[in-house]
Amino acid sequence: HSDERLRELCRPAVWESQERYEQIVFQVFAAPDRSVEGWEPAGDVLHRMLAVLNEVSAARPEQSVALVGHGLALSLLLADLQGLPHPSLAAWRAIPFAAVAAIDPSHSAVTPHWETTGA
């Protein structure tokens, strides 16, 4: 199943230093209800990610769900499933590009490590 709502957090195509990029990521995570420097609000990303997860889970209630995505969007989803207000920078950094997350049917367990897709 492919769904456009699983895309990465939308942001301007502007080159930033690694340090500045991480500062913006921190601000985006800390202020989920507003756009920071033109970036899609984190709350909007989480809303669309949860919508897909809930739809797929409802269609297959006894099965785990595997989501393929990128670090910002997946870290927002993971933090929410863990009951955290927002992801930490360390949690975001731990997710490689094009990662796979397996989520159990109750949405209470996620694979303990991230696996890259090889993409």
PDB file of N, CA and C in Angstrom:
ATOM      1  N   HIS A   1       0.855  -1.171   0.000  1.00  0.00           N
ATOM      2  CA  HIS A   1       0.000   0.000   0.000  1.00  0.00           C
ATOM      3  C   HIS A   1       0.900   1.233   0.000  1.00  0.00           C
ATOM      4  N   SER A   2       0.689   2.110  -0.912  1.00  0.00           N
ATOM      5  CA  SER A   2       1.447   3.359  -0.994  1.00  0.00           C
ATOM      6  C   SER A   2       0.487   4.513  -0.730  1.00  0.00           C
ATOM      7  N   ASP A   3       0.941   5.488   0.027  1.00  0.00           N
ATOM      8  CA  ASP A   3       0.069   6.600   0.373  1.00  0.00           C
ATOM      9  C   ASP A   3       0.897   7.875   0.481  1.00  0.00           C
ATOM     10  N   GLU A   4       0.486   8.898  -0.223  1.00  0.00           N
ATOM     11  CA  GLU A   4       1.188  10.184  -0.236  1.00  0.00           C
ATOM     12  C   GLU A   4       1.292  10.796   1.163  1.00  0.00           C
ATOM     13  N   ARG A   5       0.385  10.438   2.052  1.00  0.00           N
ATOM     14  CA  ARG A   5       0.414  10.999   3.405  1.00  0.00           C
ATOM     15  C   ARG A   5       1.606  10.509   4.221  1.00  0.00           C
ATOM     16  N   LEU A   6       2.308   9.487   3.726  1.00  0.00           N
ATOM     17  CA  LEU A   6       3.478   8.969   4.433  1.00  0.00           C
ATOM     18  C   LEU A   6       4.765   9.704   4.049  1.00  0.00           C
ATOM     19  N   ARG A   7       4.642  10.736   3.235  1.00  0.00           N
ATOM     20  CA  ARG A   7       5.832  11.475   2.792  1.00  0.00           C
ATOM     21  C   ARG A   7       6.512  12.177   3.975  1.00  0.00           C
ATOM     22  N   GLU A   8       7.732  12.594   3.720  1.00  0.00           N
ATOM     23  CA  GLU A   8       8.502  13.321   4.723  1.00  0.00           C
ATOM     24  C   GLU A   8       7.873  14.687   4.985  1.00  0.00           C
ATOM     25  N   LEU A   9       8.210  15.277   6.096  1.00  0.00           N
ATOM     26  CA  LEU A   9       7.779  16.622   6.443  1.00  0.00           C
ATOM     27  C   LEU A   9       8.215  17.570   5.324  1.00  0.00           C
ATOM     28  N   CYS A  10       7.292  18.368   4.814  1.00  0.00           N
ATOM     29  CA  CYS A  10       7.604  19.294   3.716  1.00  0.00           C
ATOM     30  C   CYS A  10       8.352  20.506   4.259  1.00  0.00           C
ATOM     31  N   ARG A  11       9.392  20.887   3.541  1.00  0.00           N
ATOM     32  CA  ARG A  11      10.187  22.039   3.951  1.00  0.00           C
ATOM     33  C   ARG A  11      10.757  22.722   2.713  1.00  0.00           C
ATOM     34  N   PRO A  12      11.128  23.989   2.840  1.00  0.00           N
ATOM     35  CA  PRO A  12      11.673  24.707   1.687  1.00  0.00           C
ATOM     36  C   PRO A  12      12.974  24.068   1.194  1.00  0.00           C
ATOM     37  N   ALA A  13      13.212  24.208  -0.083  1.00  0.00           N
ATOM     38  CA  ALA A  13      14.448  23.684  -0.685  1.00  0.00           C
ATOM     39  C   ALA A  13      15.554  24.719  -0.523  1.00  0.00           C
ATOM     40  N   VAL A  14      15.965  24.916   0.714  1.00  0.00           N
ATOM     41  CA  VAL A  14      17.007  25.884   1.050  1.00  0.00           C
ATOM     42  C   VAL A  14      18.123  25.139   1.760  1.00  0.00           C
ATOM     43  N   TRP A  15      19.347  25.359   1.326  1.00  0.00           N
ATOM     44  CA  TRP A  15      20.482  24.695   1.969  1.00  0.00           C
ATOM     45  C   TRP A  15      20.758  25.344   3.315  1.00  0.00           C
ATOM     46  N   GLU A  16      20.864  24.532   4.339  1.00  0.00           N
ATOM     47  CA  GLU A  16      21.206  24.991   5.680  1.00  0.00           C
ATOM     48  C   GLU A  16      22.422  24.207   6.154  1.00  0.00           C
ATOM     49  N   SER A  17      23.222  24.802   7.010  1.00  0.00           N
ATOM     50  CA  SER A  17      24.311  24.044   7.630  1.00  0.00           C
ATOM     51  C   SER A  17      23.684  22.959   8.505  1.00  0.00           C
ATOM     52  N   GLN A  18      24.439  21.929   8.824  1.00  0.00           N
ATOM     53  CA  GLN A  18      23.922  20.856   9.676  1.00  0.00           C
ATOM     54  C   GLN A  18      23.453  21.414  11.016  1.00  0.00           C
ATOM     55  N   GLU A  19      24.237  22.328  11.565  1.00  0.00           N
ATOM     56  CA  GLU A  19      23.882  22.919  12.855  1.00  0.00           C
ATOM     57  C   GLU A  19      22.566  23.693  12.760  1.00  0.00           C
ATOM     58  N   ARG A  20      22.418  24.501  11.723  1.00  0.00           N
ATOM     59  CA  ARG A  20      21.188  25.284  11.559  1.00  0.00           C
ATOM     60  C   ARG A  20      19.994  24.375  11.286  1.00  0.00           C
ATOM     61  N   TYR A  21      20.209  23.346  10.466  1.00  0.00           N
ATOM     62  CA  TYR A  21      19.141  22.392  10.166  1.00  0.00           C
ATOM     63  C   TYR A  21      18.626  21.758  11.459  1.00  0.00           C
ATOM     64  N   GLU A  22      19.540  21.326  12.318  1.00  0.00           N
ATOM     65  CA  GLU A  22      19.130  20.701  13.579  1.00  0.00           C
ATOM     66  C   GLU A  22      18.417  21.696  14.492  1.00  0.00           C
ATOM     67  N   GLN A  23      18.813  22.956  14.461  1.00  0.00           N
ATOM     68  CA  GLN A  23      18.111  23.975  15.247  1.00  0.00           C
ATOM     69  C   GLN A  23      16.663  24.106  14.779  1.00  0.00           C
ATOM     70  N   ILE A  24      16.479  24.096  13.463  1.00  0.00           N
ATOM     71  CA  ILE A  24      15.121  24.203  12.923  1.00  0.00           C
ATOM     72  C   ILE A  24      14.315  22.956  13.277  1.00  0.00           C
ATOM     73  N   VAL A  25      14.920  21.777  13.151  1.00  0.00           N
ATOM     74  CA  VAL A  25      14.233  20.531  13.516  1.00  0.00           C
ATOM     75  C   VAL A  25      13.770  20.612  14.968  1.00  0.00           C
ATOM     76  N   PHE A  26      14.637  21.057  15.868  1.00  0.00           N
ATOM     77  CA  PHE A  26      14.277  21.184  17.278  1.00  0.00           C
ATOM     78  C   PHE A  26      13.081  22.120  17.438  1.00  0.00           C
ATOM     79  N   GLN A  27      13.094  23.246  16.737  1.00  0.00           N
ATOM     80  CA  GLN A  27      11.989  24.205  16.823  1.00  0.00           C
ATOM     81  C   GLN A  27      10.693  23.614  16.276  1.00  0.00           C
ATOM     82  N   VAL A  28      10.789  22.878  15.179  1.00  0.00           N
ATOM     83  CA  VAL A  28       9.606  22.237  14.583  1.00  0.00           C
ATOM     84  C   VAL A  28       9.013  21.228  15.562  1.00  0.00           C
ATOM     85  N   PHE A  29       9.866  20.406  16.172  1.00  0.00           N
ATOM     86  CA  PHE A  29       9.388  19.416  17.141  1.00  0.00           C
ATOM     87  C   PHE A  29       8.761  20.095  18.359  1.00  0.00           C
ATOM     88  N   ALA A  30       9.353  21.190  18.818  1.00  0.00           N
ATOM     89  CA  ALA A  30       8.893  21.862  20.037  1.00  0.00           C
ATOM     90  C   ALA A  30       7.616  22.676  19.832  1.00  0.00           C
ATOM     91  N   ALA A  31       7.323  23.047  18.586  1.00  0.00           N
ATOM     92  CA  ALA A  31       6.140  23.872  18.295  1.00  0.00           C
ATOM     93  C   ALA A  31       5.308  23.199  17.207  1.00  0.00           C
ATOM     94  N   PRO A  32       4.650  22.081  17.529  1.00  0.00           N
ATOM     95  CA  PRO A  32       3.975  21.285  16.498  1.00  0.00           C
ATOM     96  C   PRO A  32       2.789  21.960  15.813  1.00  0.00           C
ATOM     97  N   ASP A  33       2.269  23.018  16.399  1.00  0.00           N
ATOM     98  CA  ASP A  33       1.084  23.657  15.826  1.00  0.00           C
ATOM     99  C   ASP A  33       1.390  24.841  14.917  1.00  0.00           C
ATOM    100  N   ARG A  34       2.675  25.097  14.666  1.00  0.00           N
ATOM    101  CA  ARG A  34       2.990  26.231  13.791  1.00  0.00           C
ATOM    102  C   ARG A  34       4.107  25.875  12.822  1.00  0.00           C
ATOM    103  N   SER A  35       4.133  26.614  11.735  1.00  0.00           N
ATOM    104  CA  SER A  35       5.189  26.457  10.744  1.00  0.00           C
ATOM    105  C   SER A  35       6.414  27.231  11.214  1.00  0.00           C
ATOM    106  N   VAL A  36       7.562  26.613  11.133  1.00  0.00           N
ATOM    107  CA  VAL A  36       8.823  27.260  11.478  1.00  0.00           C
ATOM    108  C   VAL A  36       9.609  27.436  10.182  1.00  0.00           C
ATOM    109  N   GLU A  37       9.876  28.663   9.825  1.00  0.00           N
ATOM    110  CA  GLU A  37      10.655  28.999   8.625  1.00  0.00           C
ATOM    111  C   GLU A  37      10.134  28.317   7.358  1.00  0.00           C
ATOM    112  N   GLY A  38       8.812  28.218   7.258  1.00  0.00           N
ATOM    113  CA  GLY A  38       8.195  27.652   6.067  1.00  0.00           C
ATOM    114  C   GLY A  38       8.065  26.140   6.072  1.00  0.00           C
ATOM    115  N   TRP A  39       8.474  25.492   7.147  1.00  0.00           N
ATOM    116  CA  TRP A  39       8.364  24.035   7.246  1.00  0.00           C
ATOM    117  C   TRP A  39       6.926  23.661   7.604  1.00  0.00           C
ATOM    118  N   GLU A  40       6.488  22.516   7.120  1.00  0.00           N
ATOM    119  CA  GLU A  40       5.167  21.995   7.464  1.00  0.00           C
ATOM    120  C   GLU A  40       5.089  21.799   8.982  1.00  0.00           C
ATOM    121  N   PRO A  41       4.007  22.219   9.619  1.00  0.00           N
ATOM    122  CA  PRO A  41       3.889  22.007  11.060  1.00  0.00           C
ATOM    123  C   PRO A  41       3.953  20.517  11.425  1.00  0.00           C
ATOM    124  N   ALA A  42       4.675  20.216  12.481  1.00  0.00           N
ATOM    125  CA  ALA A  42       4.839  18.829  12.916  1.00  0.00           C
ATOM    126  C   ALA A  42       3.497  18.183  13.227  1.00  0.00           C
ATOM    127  N   GLY A  43       2.566  18.948  13.784  1.00  0.00           N
ATOM    128  CA  GLY A  43       1.245  18.402  14.092  1.00  0.00           C
ATOM    129  C   GLY A  43       0.501  17.938  12.852  1.00  0.00           C
ATOM    130  N   ASP A  44       0.674  18.657  11.743  1.00  0.00           N
ATOM    131  CA  ASP A  44       0.042  18.252  10.488  1.00  0.00           C
ATOM    132  C   ASP A  44       0.631  16.938   9.985  1.00  0.00           C
ATOM    133  N   VAL A  45       1.954  16.811  10.107  1.00  0.00           N
ATOM    134  CA  VAL A  45       2.632  15.579   9.681  1.00  0.00           C
ATOM    135  C   VAL A  45       2.133  14.408  10.519  1.00  0.00           C
ATOM    136  N   LEU A  46       2.114  14.589  11.827  1.00  0.00           N
ATOM    137  CA  LEU A  46       1.658  13.525  12.718  1.00  0.00           C
ATOM    138  C   LEU A  46       0.219  13.141  12.406  1.00  0.00           C
ATOM    139  N   HIS A  47      -0.634  14.119  12.179  1.00  0.00           N
ATOM    140  CA  HIS A  47      -2.046  13.850  11.878  1.00  0.00           C
ATOM    141  C   HIS A  47      -2.177  12.949  10.652  1.00  0.00           C
ATOM    142  N   ARG A  48      -1.454  13.250   9.574  1.00  0.00           N
ATOM    143  CA  ARG A  48      -1.581  12.437   8.359  1.00  0.00           C
ATOM    144  C   ARG A  48      -0.943  11.061   8.526  1.00  0.00           C
ATOM    145  N   MET A  49       0.164  10.982   9.282  1.00  0.00           N
ATOM    146  CA  MET A  49       0.797   9.682   9.524  1.00  0.00           C
ATOM    147  C   MET A  49      -0.135   8.782  10.348  1.00  0.00           C
ATOM    148  N   LEU A  50      -0.735   9.342  11.395  1.00  0.00           N
ATOM    149  CA  LEU A  50      -1.663   8.568  12.226  1.00  0.00           C
ATOM    150  C   LEU A  50      -2.894   8.135  11.443  1.00  0.00           C
ATOM    151  N   ALA A  51      -3.371   8.979  10.550  1.00  0.00           N
ATOM    152  CA  ALA A  51      -4.538   8.624   9.742  1.00  0.00           C
ATOM    153  C   ALA A  51      -4.253   7.380   8.909  1.00  0.00           C
ATOM    154  N   VAL A  52      -3.084   7.334   8.271  1.00  0.00           N
ATOM    155  CA  VAL A  52      -2.727   6.157   7.468  1.00  0.00           C
ATOM    156  C   VAL A  52      -2.572   4.934   8.363  1.00  0.00           C
ATOM    157  N   LEU A  53      -1.856   5.075   9.465  1.00  0.00           N
ATOM    158  CA  LEU A  53      -1.656   3.945  10.374  1.00  0.00           C
ATOM    159  C   LEU A  53      -2.997   3.402  10.860  1.00  0.00           C
ATOM    160  N   ASN A  54      -3.904   4.273  11.247  1.00  0.00           N
ATOM    161  CA  ASN A  54      -5.209   3.827  11.740  1.00  0.00           C
ATOM    162  C   ASN A  54      -6.041   3.160  10.649  1.00  0.00           C
ATOM    163  N   GLU A  55      -5.990   3.687   9.429  1.00  0.00           N
ATOM    164  CA  GLU A  55      -6.735   3.079   8.318  1.00  0.00           C
ATOM    165  C   GLU A  55      -6.201   1.689   7.986  1.00  0.00           C
ATOM    166  N   VAL A  56      -4.894   1.565   7.881  1.00  0.00           N
ATOM    167  CA  VAL A  56      -4.295   0.268   7.551  1.00  0.00           C
ATOM    168  C   VAL A  56      -4.534  -0.722   8.688  1.00  0.00           C
ATOM    169  N   SER A  57      -4.401  -0.265   9.918  1.00  0.00           N
ATOM    170  CA  SER A  57      -4.632  -1.140  11.072  1.00  0.00           C
ATOM    171  C   SER A  57      -6.080  -1.609  11.143  1.00  0.00           C
ATOM    172  N   ALA A  58      -7.020  -0.735  10.811  1.00  0.00           N
ATOM    173  CA  ALA A  58      -8.435  -1.113  10.834  1.00  0.00           C
ATOM    174  C   ALA A  58      -8.742  -2.159   9.769  1.00  0.00           C
ATOM    175  N   ALA A  59      -8.070  -2.080   8.639  1.00  0.00           N
ATOM    176  CA  ALA A  59      -8.297  -3.043   7.555  1.00  0.00           C
ATOM    177  C   ALA A  59      -7.682  -4.408   7.866  1.00  0.00           C
ATOM    178  N   ARG A  60      -6.656  -4.421   8.712  1.00  0.00           N
ATOM    179  CA  ARG A  60      -5.961  -5.664   9.072  1.00  0.00           C
ATOM    180  C   ARG A  60      -5.693  -5.670  10.586  1.00  0.00           C
ATOM    181  N   PRO A  61      -6.742  -5.781  11.388  1.00  0.00           N
ATOM    182  CA  PRO A  61      -6.599  -5.588  12.834  1.00  0.00           C
ATOM    183  C   PRO A  61      -5.689  -6.579  13.551  1.00  0.00           C
ATOM    184  N   GLU A  62      -5.456  -7.729  12.982  1.00  0.00           N
ATOM    185  CA  GLU A  62      -4.626  -8.733  13.656  1.00  0.00           C
ATOM    186  C   GLU A  62      -3.174  -8.713  13.190  1.00  0.00           C
ATOM    187  N   GLN A  63      -2.840  -7.818  12.278  1.00  0.00           N
ATOM    188  CA  GLN A  63      -1.497  -7.819  11.698  1.00  0.00           C
ATOM    189  C   GLN A  63      -0.699  -6.588  12.116  1.00  0.00           C
ATOM    190  N   SER A  64       0.612  -6.783  12.215  1.00  0.00           N
ATOM    191  CA  SER A  64       1.499  -5.641  12.412  1.00  0.00           C
ATOM    192  C   SER A  64       1.528  -4.827  11.127  1.00  0.00           C
ATOM    193  N   VAL A  65       1.904  -3.580  11.249  1.00  0.00           N
ATOM    194  CA  VAL A  65       1.992  -2.679  10.103  1.00  0.00           C
ATOM    195  C   VAL A  65       3.450  -2.280   9.930  1.00  0.00           C
ATOM    196  N   ALA A  66       3.932  -2.334   8.711  1.00  0.00           N
ATOM    197  CA  ALA A  66       5.276  -1.848   8.400  1.00  0.00           C
ATOM    198  C   ALA A  66       5.141  -0.535   7.648  1.00  0.00           C
ATOM    199  N   LEU A  67       5.760   0.500   8.173  1.00  0.00           N
ATOM    200  CA  LEU A  67       5.744   1.802   7.518  1.00  0.00           C
ATOM    201  C   LEU A  67       7.145   2.124   7.024  1.00  0.00           C
ATOM    202  N   VAL A  68       7.238   2.547   5.786  1.00  0.00           N
ATOM    203  CA  VAL A  68       8.510   2.979   5.211  1.00  0.00           C
ATOM    204  C   VAL A  68       8.450   4.487   5.094  1.00  0.00           C
ATOM    205  N   GLY A  69       9.457   5.153   5.588  1.00  0.00           N
ATOM    206  CA  GLY A  69       9.442   6.603   5.531  1.00  0.00           C
ATOM    207  C   GLY A  69      10.786   7.197   5.863  1.00  0.00           C
ATOM    208  N   HIS A  70      10.758   8.469   6.209  1.00  0.00           N
ATOM    209  CA  HIS A  70      11.970   9.215   6.515  1.00  0.00           C
ATOM    210  C   HIS A  70      11.954   9.677   7.963  1.00  0.00           C
ATOM    211  N   GLY A  71      13.085  10.155   8.425  1.00  0.00           N
ATOM    212  CA  GLY A  71      13.323  10.430   9.830  1.00  0.00           C
ATOM    213  C   GLY A  71      12.402  11.394  10.527  1.00  0.00           C
ATOM    214  N   LEU A  72      12.112  12.530   9.923  1.00  0.00           N
ATOM    215  CA  LEU A  72      11.278  13.511  10.620  1.00  0.00           C
ATOM    216  C   LEU A  72       9.873  12.971  10.850  1.00  0.00           C
ATOM    217  N   ALA A  73       9.247  12.475   9.795  1.00  0.00           N
ATOM    218  CA  ALA A  73       7.876  11.969   9.908  1.00  0.00           C
ATOM    219  C   ALA A  73       7.807  10.746  10.819  1.00  0.00           C
ATOM    220  N   LEU A  74       8.729   9.807  10.633  1.00  0.00           N
ATOM    221  CA  LEU A  74       8.705   8.600  11.471  1.00  0.00           C
ATOM    222  C   LEU A  74       9.009   8.914  12.931  1.00  0.00           C
ATOM    223  N   SER A  75       9.903   9.858  13.197  1.00  0.00           N
ATOM    224  CA  SER A  75      10.203  10.183  14.593  1.00  0.00           C
ATOM    225  C   SER A  75       9.004  10.840  15.277  1.00  0.00           C
ATOM    226  N   LEU A  76       8.241  11.638  14.538  1.00  0.00           N
ATOM    227  CA  LEU A  76       7.019  12.222  15.103  1.00  0.00           C
ATOM    228  C   LEU A  76       6.011  11.132  15.461  1.00  0.00           C
ATOM    229  N   LEU A  77       5.840  10.177  14.562  1.00  0.00           N
ATOM    230  CA  LEU A  77       4.905   9.078  14.803  1.00  0.00           C
ATOM    231  C   LEU A  77       5.355   8.230  15.988  1.00  0.00           C
ATOM    232  N   LEU A  78       6.615   7.872  16.029  1.00  0.00           N
ATOM    233  CA  LEU A  78       7.136   7.045  17.113  1.00  0.00           C
ATOM    234  C   LEU A  78       6.961   7.732  18.465  1.00  0.00           C
ATOM    235  N   ALA A  79       7.294   9.010  18.543  1.00  0.00           N
ATOM    236  CA  ALA A  79       7.141   9.732  19.808  1.00  0.00           C
ATOM    237  C   ALA A  79       5.685   9.711  20.269  1.00  0.00           C
ATOM    238  N   ASP A  80       4.767   9.927  19.338  1.00  0.00           N
ATOM    239  CA  ASP A  80       3.349   9.910  19.688  1.00  0.00           C
ATOM    240  C   ASP A  80       2.924   8.532  20.201  1.00  0.00           C
ATOM    241  N   LEU A  81       3.363   7.472  19.520  1.00  0.00           N
ATOM    242  CA  LEU A  81       2.999   6.116  19.949  1.00  0.00           C
ATOM    243  C   LEU A  81       3.582   5.784  21.320  1.00  0.00           C
ATOM    244  N   GLN A  82       4.674   6.440  21.679  1.00  0.00           N
ATOM    245  CA  GLN A  82       5.296   6.227  22.986  1.00  0.00           C
ATOM    246  C   GLN A  82       4.737   7.171  24.051  1.00  0.00           C
ATOM    247  N   GLY A  83       3.790   8.020  23.661  1.00  0.00           N
ATOM    248  CA  GLY A  83       3.188   8.944  24.613  1.00  0.00           C
ATOM    249  C   GLY A  83       4.048  10.154  24.931  1.00  0.00           C
ATOM    250  N   LEU A  84       5.019  10.447  24.083  1.00  0.00           N
ATOM    251  CA  LEU A  84       5.899  11.594  24.303  1.00  0.00           C
ATOM    252  C   LEU A  84       5.323  12.835  23.619  1.00  0.00           C
ATOM    253  N   PRO A  85       5.560  14.023  24.171  1.00  0.00           N
ATOM    254  CA  PRO A  85       5.024  15.234  23.554  1.00  0.00           C
ATOM    255  C   PRO A  85       5.670  15.547  22.204  1.00  0.00           C
ATOM    256  N   HIS A  86       6.915  15.162  22.037  1.00  0.00           N
ATOM    257  CA  HIS A  86       7.624  15.343  20.770  1.00  0.00           C
ATOM    258  C   HIS A  86       8.889  14.493  20.792  1.00  0.00           C
ATOM    259  N   PRO A  87       9.451  14.210  19.619  1.00  0.00           N
ATOM    260  CA  PRO A  87      10.668  13.401  19.586  1.00  0.00           C
ATOM    261  C   PRO A  87      11.881  14.192  20.068  1.00  0.00           C
ATOM    262  N   SER A  88      12.863  13.478  20.546  1.00  0.00           N
ATOM    263  CA  SER A  88      14.138  14.113  20.879  1.00  0.00           C
ATOM    264  C   SER A  88      14.991  14.164  19.613  1.00  0.00           C
ATOM    265  N   LEU A  89      15.972  15.038  19.614  1.00  0.00           N
ATOM    266  CA  LEU A  89      16.887  15.079  18.474  1.00  0.00           C
ATOM    267  C   LEU A  89      17.641  13.760  18.356  1.00  0.00           C
ATOM    268  N   ALA A  90      17.970  13.141  19.486  1.00  0.00           N
ATOM    269  CA  ALA A  90      18.682  11.856  19.450  1.00  0.00           C
ATOM    270  C   ALA A  90      17.829  10.778  18.787  1.00  0.00           C
ATOM    271  N   ALA A  91      16.540  10.747  19.090  1.00  0.00           N
ATOM    272  CA  ALA A  91      15.647   9.756  18.470  1.00  0.00           C
ATOM    273  C   ALA A  91      15.550   9.998  16.971  1.00  0.00           C
ATOM    274  N   TRP A  92      15.460  11.259  16.571  1.00  0.00           N
ATOM    275  CA  TRP A  92      15.400  11.595  15.145  1.00  0.00           C
ATOM    276  C   TRP A  92      16.692  11.193  14.439  1.00  0.00           C
ATOM    277  N   ARG A  93      17.839  11.514  15.050  1.00  0.00           N
ATOM    278  CA  ARG A  93      19.131  11.181  14.438  1.00  0.00           C
ATOM    279  C   ARG A  93      19.312   9.676  14.266  1.00  0.00           C
ATOM    280  N   ALA A  94      18.685   8.876  15.109  1.00  0.00           N
ATOM    281  CA  ALA A  94      18.852   7.417  15.071  1.00  0.00           C
ATOM    282  C   ALA A  94      18.145   6.767  13.885  1.00  0.00           C
ATOM    283  N   ILE A  95      17.256   7.485  13.233  1.00  0.00           N
ATOM    284  CA  ILE A  95      16.487   6.917  12.120  1.00  0.00           C
ATOM    285  C   ILE A  95      17.207   7.213  10.811  1.00  0.00           C
ATOM    286  N   PRO A  96      17.615   6.179  10.075  1.00  0.00           N
ATOM    287  CA  PRO A  96      18.299   6.405   8.795  1.00  0.00           C
ATOM    288  C   PRO A  96      17.316   6.836   7.711  1.00  0.00           C
ATOM    289  N   PHE A  97      17.863   7.278   6.587  1.00  0.00           N
ATOM    290  CA  PHE A  97      17.011   7.619   5.446  1.00  0.00           C
ATOM    291  C   PHE A  97      16.307   6.363   4.957  1.00  0.00           C
ATOM    292  N   ALA A  98      15.080   6.511   4.494  1.00  0.00           N
ATOM    293  CA  ALA A  98      14.280   5.403   3.960  1.00  0.00           C
ATOM    294  C   ALA A  98      14.277   4.219   4.923  1.00  0.00           C
ATOM    295  N   ALA A  99      13.750   4.441   6.113  1.00  0.00           N
ATOM    296  CA  ALA A  99      13.721   3.423   7.161  1.00  0.00           C
ATOM    297  C   ALA A  99      12.386   2.690   7.194  1.00  0.00           C
ATOM    298  N   VAL A 100      12.411   1.492   7.783  1.00  0.00           N
ATOM    299  CA  VAL A 100      11.208   0.687   7.960  1.00  0.00           C
ATOM    300  C   VAL A 100      10.925   0.572   9.454  1.00  0.00           C
ATOM    301  N   ALA A 101       9.697   0.857   9.847  1.00  0.00           N
ATOM    302  CA  ALA A 101       9.271   0.683  11.228  1.00  0.00           C
ATOM    303  C   ALA A 101       8.124  -0.315  11.249  1.00  0.00           C
ATOM    304  N   ALA A 102       8.234  -1.349  12.080  1.00  0.00           N
ATOM    305  CA  ALA A 102       7.152  -2.322  12.240  1.00  0.00           C
ATOM    306  C   ALA A 102       6.395  -1.979  13.522  1.00  0.00           C
ATOM    307  N   ILE A 103       5.077  -1.840  13.401  1.00  0.00           N
ATOM    308  CA  ILE A 103       4.235  -1.439  14.523  1.00  0.00           C
ATOM    309  C   ILE A 103       3.222  -2.539  14.776  1.00  0.00           C
ATOM    310  N   ASP A 104       3.137  -3.001  16.033  1.00  0.00           N
ATOM    311  CA  ASP A 104       2.238  -4.116  16.346  1.00  0.00           C
ATOM    312  C   ASP A 104       0.775  -3.672  16.263  1.00  0.00           C
ATOM    313  N   PRO A 105      -0.159  -4.643  16.238  1.00  0.00           N
ATOM    314  CA  PRO A 105      -1.582  -4.305  16.069  1.00  0.00           C
ATOM    315  C   PRO A 105      -2.144  -3.353  17.127  1.00  0.00           C
ATOM    316  N   SER A 106      -1.605  -3.378  18.331  1.00  0.00           N
ATOM    317  CA  SER A 106      -2.122  -2.492  19.379  1.00  0.00           C
ATOM    318  C   SER A 106      -1.487  -1.106  19.339  1.00  0.00           C
ATOM    319  N   HIS A 107      -0.520  -0.917  18.450  1.00  0.00           N
ATOM    320  CA  HIS A 107       0.240   0.329  18.322  1.00  0.00           C
ATOM    321  C   HIS A 107       1.074   0.603  19.566  1.00  0.00           C
ATOM    322  N   SER A 108       1.315  -0.411  20.365  1.00  0.00           N
ATOM    323  CA  SER A 108       2.079  -0.202  21.590  1.00  0.00           C
ATOM    324  C   SER A 108       3.538  -0.615  21.462  1.00  0.00           C
ATOM    325  N   ALA A 109       3.902  -1.279  20.391  1.00  0.00           N
ATOM    326  CA  ALA A 109       5.292  -1.710  20.229  1.00  0.00           C
ATOM    327  C   ALA A 109       5.773  -1.415  18.818  1.00  0.00           C
ATOM    328  N   VAL A 110       6.971  -0.883  18.753  1.00  0.00           N
ATOM    329  CA  VAL A 110       7.630  -0.595  17.483  1.00  0.00           C
ATOM    330  C   VAL A 110       8.942  -1.355  17.505  1.00  0.00           C
ATOM    331  N   THR A 111       9.405  -1.794  16.340  1.00  0.00           N
ATOM    332  CA  THR A 111      10.675  -2.518  16.311  1.00  0.00           C
ATOM    333  C   THR A 111      11.711  -1.746  17.110  1.00  0.00           C
ATOM    334  N   PRO A 112      12.561  -2.445  17.879  1.00  0.00           N
ATOM    335  CA  PRO A 112      13.527  -1.763  18.734  1.00  0.00           C
ATOM    336  C   PRO A 112      14.670  -1.103  17.971  1.00  0.00           C
ATOM    337  N   HIS A 113      14.762  -1.373  16.696  1.00  0.00           N
ATOM    338  CA  HIS A 113      15.804  -0.747  15.879  1.00  0.00           C
ATOM    339  C   HIS A 113      15.218  -0.410  14.513  1.00  0.00           C
ATOM    340  N   TRP A 114      15.868   0.464  13.829  1.00  0.00           N
ATOM    341  CA  TRP A 114      15.420   0.864  12.497  1.00  0.00           C
ATOM    342  C   TRP A 114      16.212   0.087  11.475  1.00  0.00           C
ATOM    343  N   GLU A 115      15.530  -0.367  10.451  1.00  0.00           N
ATOM    344  CA  GLU A 115      16.175  -1.095   9.367  1.00  0.00           C
ATOM    345  C   GLU A 115      16.094  -0.242   8.115  1.00  0.00           C
ATOM    346  N   THR A 116      17.221  -0.089   7.418  1.00  0.00           N
ATOM    347  CA  THR A 116      17.180   0.684   6.187  1.00  0.00           C
ATOM    348  C   THR A 116      16.617  -0.172   5.071  1.00  0.00           C
ATOM    349  N   THR A 117      16.014   0.477   4.111  1.00  0.00           N
ATOM    350  CA  THR A 117      15.406  -0.243   2.995  1.00  0.00           C
ATOM    351  C   THR A 117      16.418  -0.566   1.918  1.00  0.00           C
ATOM    352  N   GLY A 118      17.610  -0.002   2.016  1.00  0.00           N
ATOM    353  CA  GLY A 118      18.604  -0.208   0.976  1.00  0.00           C
ATOM    354  C   GLY A 118      18.414   0.745  -0.182  1.00  0.00           C
ATOM    355  N   ALA A 119      17.493   1.679  -0.041  1.00  0.00           N
ATOM    356  CA  ALA A 119      17.231   2.648  -1.122  1.00  0.00           C
ATOM    357  C   ALA A 119      18.251   3.760  -1.104  1.00  0.00           C
TER     358      ALA A 119
END
